[in-house]
Amino acid sequence: MGKNPATLTGTADLDSHATEAGPTAASTPGAASTSHTANTASSPAPYLQVRDLCKHYGEGEARTTVLHDVTTTVNKGEICVLLGPSGSGKSTFLNLVGGLEAADSGSINVGGTELTSLTSKQLGEYRRDKLGFVFQFYNLVPDL
């Protein structure tokens, strides 16, 4: 296991803020600069806004922290890349943003929808209507 669970901070080029063991993310609006700027009247509201996101697996001594206080934003039109070693929390992060898993704490806002407050039925509608997910392992249907 790594020294510290995955932690992302900032809004654009996040790899300099990730922990040694955690995933890194970088987002760029096309060829534009990746400077860290606060939202102002002229800058768009973030499309993805994650704040203080935490996810753990297991209980007691077997408890493993996968994501710890992850905070990041991605504006509409930006490209975001998650990088990190195996087990650093990349898939867990995507599963949380995709509404496939529930966060232990924190908030996930996608396009104005707060995922952490949605019911199971509403999460299903979110995945059906607003999300495209290409799984790394395509053998989800046993007969195929």
C-alpha atoms as a PDB file:
ATOM      1  CA  MET A   1       0.000   0.000   0.000  1.00  0.00           C
ATOM      2  CA  GLY A   2       1.102   3.554  -0.592  1.00  0.00           C
ATOM      3  CA  LYS A   3       2.111   5.982   2.078  1.00  0.00           C
ATOM      4  CA  ASN A   4      -0.984   8.160   1.737  1.00  0.00           C
ATOM      5  CA  PRO A   5      -4.407   7.665   0.143  1.00  0.00           C
ATOM      6  CA  ALA A   6      -5.351   9.459  -3.037  1.00  0.00           C
ATOM      7  CA  THR A   7      -5.786  13.193  -2.728  1.00  0.00           C
ATOM      8  CA  LEU A   8      -6.482  15.652  -5.562  1.00  0.00           C
ATOM      9  CA  THR A   9      -6.721  19.398  -5.173  1.00  0.00           C
ATOM     10  CA  GLY A  10      -7.017  22.432  -7.409  1.00  0.00           C
ATOM     11  CA  THR A  11      -8.850  23.072 -10.638  1.00  0.00           C
ATOM     12  CA  ALA A  12      -6.588  22.458 -13.600  1.00  0.00           C
ATOM     13  CA  ASP A  13      -3.135  20.870 -13.554  1.00  0.00           C
ATOM     14  CA  LEU A  14      -3.480  18.692 -10.481  1.00  0.00           C
ATOM     15  CA  ASP A  15      -0.509  16.384 -10.783  1.00  0.00           C
ATOM     16  CA  SER A  16       1.730  18.616  -8.676  1.00  0.00           C
ATOM     17  CA  HIS A  17      -0.775  18.381  -5.803  1.00  0.00           C
ATOM     18  CA  ALA A  18      -1.412  14.634  -5.738  1.00  0.00           C
ATOM     19  CA  THR A  19       0.176  12.526  -3.052  1.00  0.00           C
ATOM     20  CA  GLU A  20       2.995  10.128  -3.761  1.00  0.00           C
ATOM     21  CA  ALA A  21       0.642   7.128  -3.893  1.00  0.00           C
ATOM     22  CA  GLY A  22      -2.477   8.835  -5.200  1.00  0.00           C
ATOM     23  CA  PRO A  23      -3.768   9.454  -8.696  1.00  0.00           C
ATOM     24  CA  THR A  24      -3.014  12.648 -10.500  1.00  0.00           C
ATOM     25  CA  ALA A  25      -5.321  14.584 -12.755  1.00  0.00           C
ATOM     26  CA  ALA A  26      -4.748  17.220 -15.354  1.00  0.00           C
ATOM     27  CA  SER A  27      -7.420  19.096 -17.232  1.00  0.00           C
ATOM     28  CA  THR A  28      -6.927  21.494 -20.076  1.00  0.00           C
ATOM     29  CA  PRO A  29      -9.449  23.470 -22.104  1.00  0.00           C
ATOM     30  CA  GLY A  30      -8.065  22.516 -25.510  1.00  0.00           C
ATOM     31  CA  ALA A  31      -4.730  24.273 -25.906  1.00  0.00           C
ATOM     32  CA  ALA A  32      -5.449  26.926 -23.298  1.00  0.00           C
ATOM     33  CA  SER A  33      -3.374  27.492 -20.195  1.00  0.00           C
ATOM     34  CA  THR A  34      -3.874  25.304 -17.141  1.00  0.00           C
ATOM     35  CA  SER A  35      -3.480  28.044 -14.577  1.00  0.00           C
ATOM     36  CA  HIS A  36      -5.284  27.807 -11.254  1.00  0.00           C
ATOM     37  CA  THR A  37      -7.877  30.560 -11.177  1.00  0.00           C
ATOM     38  CA  ALA A  38     -10.870  31.228  -8.999  1.00  0.00           C
ATOM     39  CA  ASN A  39     -14.288  31.443 -10.579  1.00  0.00           C
ATOM     40  CA  THR A  40     -15.157  34.979 -11.502  1.00  0.00           C
ATOM     41  CA  ALA A  41     -18.042  36.500 -13.394  1.00  0.00           C
ATOM     42  CA  SER A  42     -16.162  35.855 -16.662  1.00  0.00           C
ATOM     43  CA  SER A  43     -15.171  32.238 -15.951  1.00  0.00           C
ATOM     44  CA  PRO A  44     -17.700  29.431 -16.377  1.00  0.00           C
ATOM     45  CA  ALA A  45     -19.131  27.527 -13.441  1.00  0.00           C
ATOM     46  CA  PRO A  46     -17.423  24.137 -13.112  1.00  0.00           C
ATOM     47  CA  TYR A  47     -19.274  21.253 -14.746  1.00  0.00           C
ATOM     48  CA  LEU A  48     -17.782  18.756 -12.292  1.00  0.00           C
ATOM     49  CA  GLN A  49     -17.172  19.952  -8.770  1.00  0.00           C
ATOM     50  CA  VAL A  50     -15.898  17.510  -6.144  1.00  0.00           C
ATOM     51  CA  ARG A  51     -15.345  18.671  -2.566  1.00  0.00           C
ATOM     52  CA  ASP A  52     -13.763  16.806   0.343  1.00  0.00           C
ATOM     53  CA  LEU A  53     -14.587  13.417  -1.182  1.00  0.00           C
ATOM     54  CA  CYS A  54     -13.727  10.385   0.969  1.00  0.00           C
ATOM     55  CA  LYS A  55     -14.137   6.662   0.343  1.00  0.00           C
ATOM     56  CA  HIS A  56     -13.079   3.759   2.562  1.00  0.00           C
ATOM     57  CA  TYR A  57     -13.383   0.003   2.241  1.00  0.00           C
ATOM     58  CA  GLY A  58     -13.445  -2.500   5.086  1.00  0.00           C
ATOM     59  CA  GLU A  59     -13.836  -2.078   8.833  1.00  0.00           C
ATOM     60  CA  GLY A  60     -11.547  -1.888  11.866  1.00  0.00           C
ATOM     61  CA  GLU A  61      -7.935  -2.842  11.200  1.00  0.00           C
ATOM     62  CA  ALA A  62      -8.863  -3.946   7.678  1.00  0.00           C
ATOM     63  CA  ARG A  63     -10.183  -0.465   6.823  1.00  0.00           C
ATOM     64  CA  THR A  64      -8.434   1.034   3.813  1.00  0.00           C
ATOM     65  CA  THR A  65      -8.776   4.670   2.826  1.00  0.00           C
ATOM     66  CA  VAL A  66      -8.918   4.895  -0.948  1.00  0.00           C
ATOM     67  CA  LEU A  67      -9.838   8.573  -1.355  1.00  0.00           C
ATOM     68  CA  HIS A  68      -9.209  11.182   1.314  1.00  0.00           C
ATOM     69  CA  ASP A  69     -10.512  14.774   1.033  1.00  0.00           C
ATOM     70  CA  VAL A  70     -10.390  14.886  -2.771  1.00  0.00           C
ATOM     71  CA  THR A  71     -11.285  18.345  -4.072  1.00  0.00           C
ATOM     72  CA  THR A  72     -11.199  19.255  -7.755  1.00  0.00           C
ATOM     73  CA  THR A  73     -13.174  20.947 -10.519  1.00  0.00           C
ATOM     74  CA  VAL A  74     -13.431  20.458 -14.267  1.00  0.00           C
ATOM     75  CA  ASN A  75     -15.064  23.048 -16.496  1.00  0.00           C
ATOM     76  CA  LYS A  76     -17.302  22.134 -19.413  1.00  0.00           C
ATOM     77  CA  GLY A  77     -15.179  21.521 -22.511  1.00  0.00           C
ATOM     78  CA  GLU A  78     -12.037  20.657 -20.593  1.00  0.00           C
ATOM     79  CA  ILE A  79     -10.270  17.345 -20.977  1.00  0.00           C
ATOM     80  CA  CYS A  80      -9.314  15.657 -17.728  1.00  0.00           C
ATOM     81  CA  VAL A  81      -6.874  12.776 -17.348  1.00  0.00           C
ATOM     82  CA  LEU A  82      -6.511  10.650 -14.217  1.00  0.00           C
ATOM     83  CA  LEU A  83      -3.087   9.085 -13.756  1.00  0.00           C
ATOM     84  CA  GLY A  84      -1.721   6.946 -10.977  1.00  0.00           C
ATOM     85  CA  PRO A  85      -0.450   3.528 -10.010  1.00  0.00           C
ATOM     86  CA  SER A  86      -2.700   0.529  -9.559  1.00  0.00           C
ATOM     87  CA  GLY A  87      -4.726   0.830  -6.377  1.00  0.00           C
ATOM     88  CA  SER A  88      -4.420   4.597  -6.089  1.00  0.00           C
ATOM     89  CA  GLY A  89      -8.160   5.314  -6.395  1.00  0.00           C
ATOM     90  CA  LYS A  90      -8.680   6.177 -10.071  1.00  0.00           C
ATOM     91  CA  SER A  91     -11.478   3.673 -10.693  1.00  0.00           C
ATOM     92  CA  THR A  92     -13.058   4.411  -7.328  1.00  0.00           C
ATOM     93  CA  PHE A  93     -13.123   8.123  -8.195  1.00  0.00           C
ATOM     94  CA  LEU A  94     -14.762   7.394 -11.572  1.00  0.00           C
ATOM     95  CA  ASN A  95     -17.281   5.026  -9.953  1.00  0.00           C
ATOM     96  CA  LEU A  96     -18.251   7.756  -7.475  1.00  0.00           C
ATOM     97  CA  VAL A  97     -18.628  10.438 -10.171  1.00  0.00           C
ATOM     98  CA  GLY A  98     -20.511   7.903 -12.294  1.00  0.00           C
ATOM     99  CA  GLY A  99     -22.989   7.229  -9.501  1.00  0.00           C
ATOM    100  CA  LEU A 100     -21.997   3.557  -9.349  1.00  0.00           C
ATOM    101  CA  GLU A 101     -20.769   3.757  -5.735  1.00  0.00           C
ATOM    102  CA  ALA A 102     -21.692   5.951  -2.787  1.00  0.00           C
ATOM    103  CA  ALA A 103     -19.168   8.279  -1.165  1.00  0.00           C
ATOM    104  CA  ASP A 104     -18.520   8.029   2.559  1.00  0.00           C
ATOM    105  CA  SER A 105     -18.396  11.823   2.790  1.00  0.00           C
ATOM    106  CA  GLY A 106     -17.976  14.903   0.632  1.00  0.00           C
ATOM    107  CA  SER A 107     -19.936  16.195  -2.331  1.00  0.00           C
ATOM    108  CA  ILE A 108     -20.039  15.481  -6.057  1.00  0.00           C
ATOM    109  CA  ASN A 109     -21.825  17.986  -8.271  1.00  0.00           C
ATOM    110  CA  VAL A 110     -22.145  17.209 -11.987  1.00  0.00           C
ATOM    111  CA  GLY A 111     -23.839  19.781 -14.180  1.00  0.00           C
ATOM    112  CA  GLY A 112     -25.726  21.233 -11.221  1.00  0.00           C
ATOM    113  CA  THR A 113     -26.857  17.847  -9.867  1.00  0.00           C
ATOM    114  CA  GLU A 114     -25.614  16.911  -6.390  1.00  0.00           C
ATOM    115  CA  LEU A 115     -25.049  13.151  -6.668  1.00  0.00           C
ATOM    116  CA  THR A 116     -24.583  12.481  -2.965  1.00  0.00           C
ATOM    117  CA  SER A 117     -28.186  13.492  -2.242  1.00  0.00           C
ATOM    118  CA  LEU A 118     -29.839  11.384  -4.968  1.00  0.00           C
ATOM    119  CA  THR A 119     -31.912   8.283  -4.280  1.00  0.00           C
ATOM    120  CA  SER A 120     -31.039   4.978  -5.918  1.00  0.00           C
ATOM    121  CA  LYS A 121     -33.763   5.537  -8.534  1.00  0.00           C
ATOM    122  CA  GLN A 122     -32.513   9.076  -9.260  1.00  0.00           C
ATOM    123  CA  LEU A 123     -28.945   7.773  -9.634  1.00  0.00           C
ATOM    124  CA  GLY A 124     -30.209   5.252 -12.176  1.00  0.00           C
ATOM    125  CA  GLU A 125     -31.895   8.059 -14.115  1.00  0.00           C
ATOM    126  CA  TYR A 126     -28.694  10.142 -13.905  1.00  0.00           C
ATOM    127  CA  ARG A 127     -26.655   7.270 -15.353  1.00  0.00           C
ATOM    128  CA  ARG A 128     -29.274   6.609 -18.041  1.00  0.00           C
ATOM    129  CA  ASP A 129     -29.809  10.216 -19.144  1.00  0.00           C
ATOM    130  CA  LYS A 130     -26.564  12.094 -18.502  1.00  0.00           C
ATOM    131  CA  LEU A 131     -23.653   9.704 -18.414  1.00  0.00           C
ATOM    132  CA  GLY A 132     -21.606   7.684 -20.859  1.00  0.00           C
ATOM    133  CA  PHE A 133     -19.398   5.049 -19.279  1.00  0.00           C
ATOM    134  CA  VAL A 134     -16.977   2.803 -21.177  1.00  0.00           C
ATOM    135  CA  PHE A 135     -15.842   0.025 -18.863  1.00  0.00           C
ATOM    136  CA  GLN A 136     -12.304  -1.293 -18.970  1.00  0.00           C
ATOM    137  CA  PHE A 137     -13.645  -4.839 -18.662  1.00  0.00           C
ATOM    138  CA  TYR A 138     -16.421  -5.388 -21.172  1.00  0.00           C
ATOM    139  CA  ASN A 139     -17.511  -8.808 -19.900  1.00  0.00           C
ATOM    140  CA  LEU A 140     -20.387  -7.421 -17.834  1.00  0.00           C
ATOM    141  CA  VAL A 141     -22.988  -9.631 -19.509  1.00  0.00           C
ATOM    142  CA  PRO A 142     -22.013 -13.286 -18.863  1.00  0.00           C
ATOM    143  CA  ASP A 143     -23.571 -14.603 -22.098  1.00  0.00           C
ATOM    144  CA  LEU A 144     -21.481 -12.290 -24.284  1.00  0.00           C
END
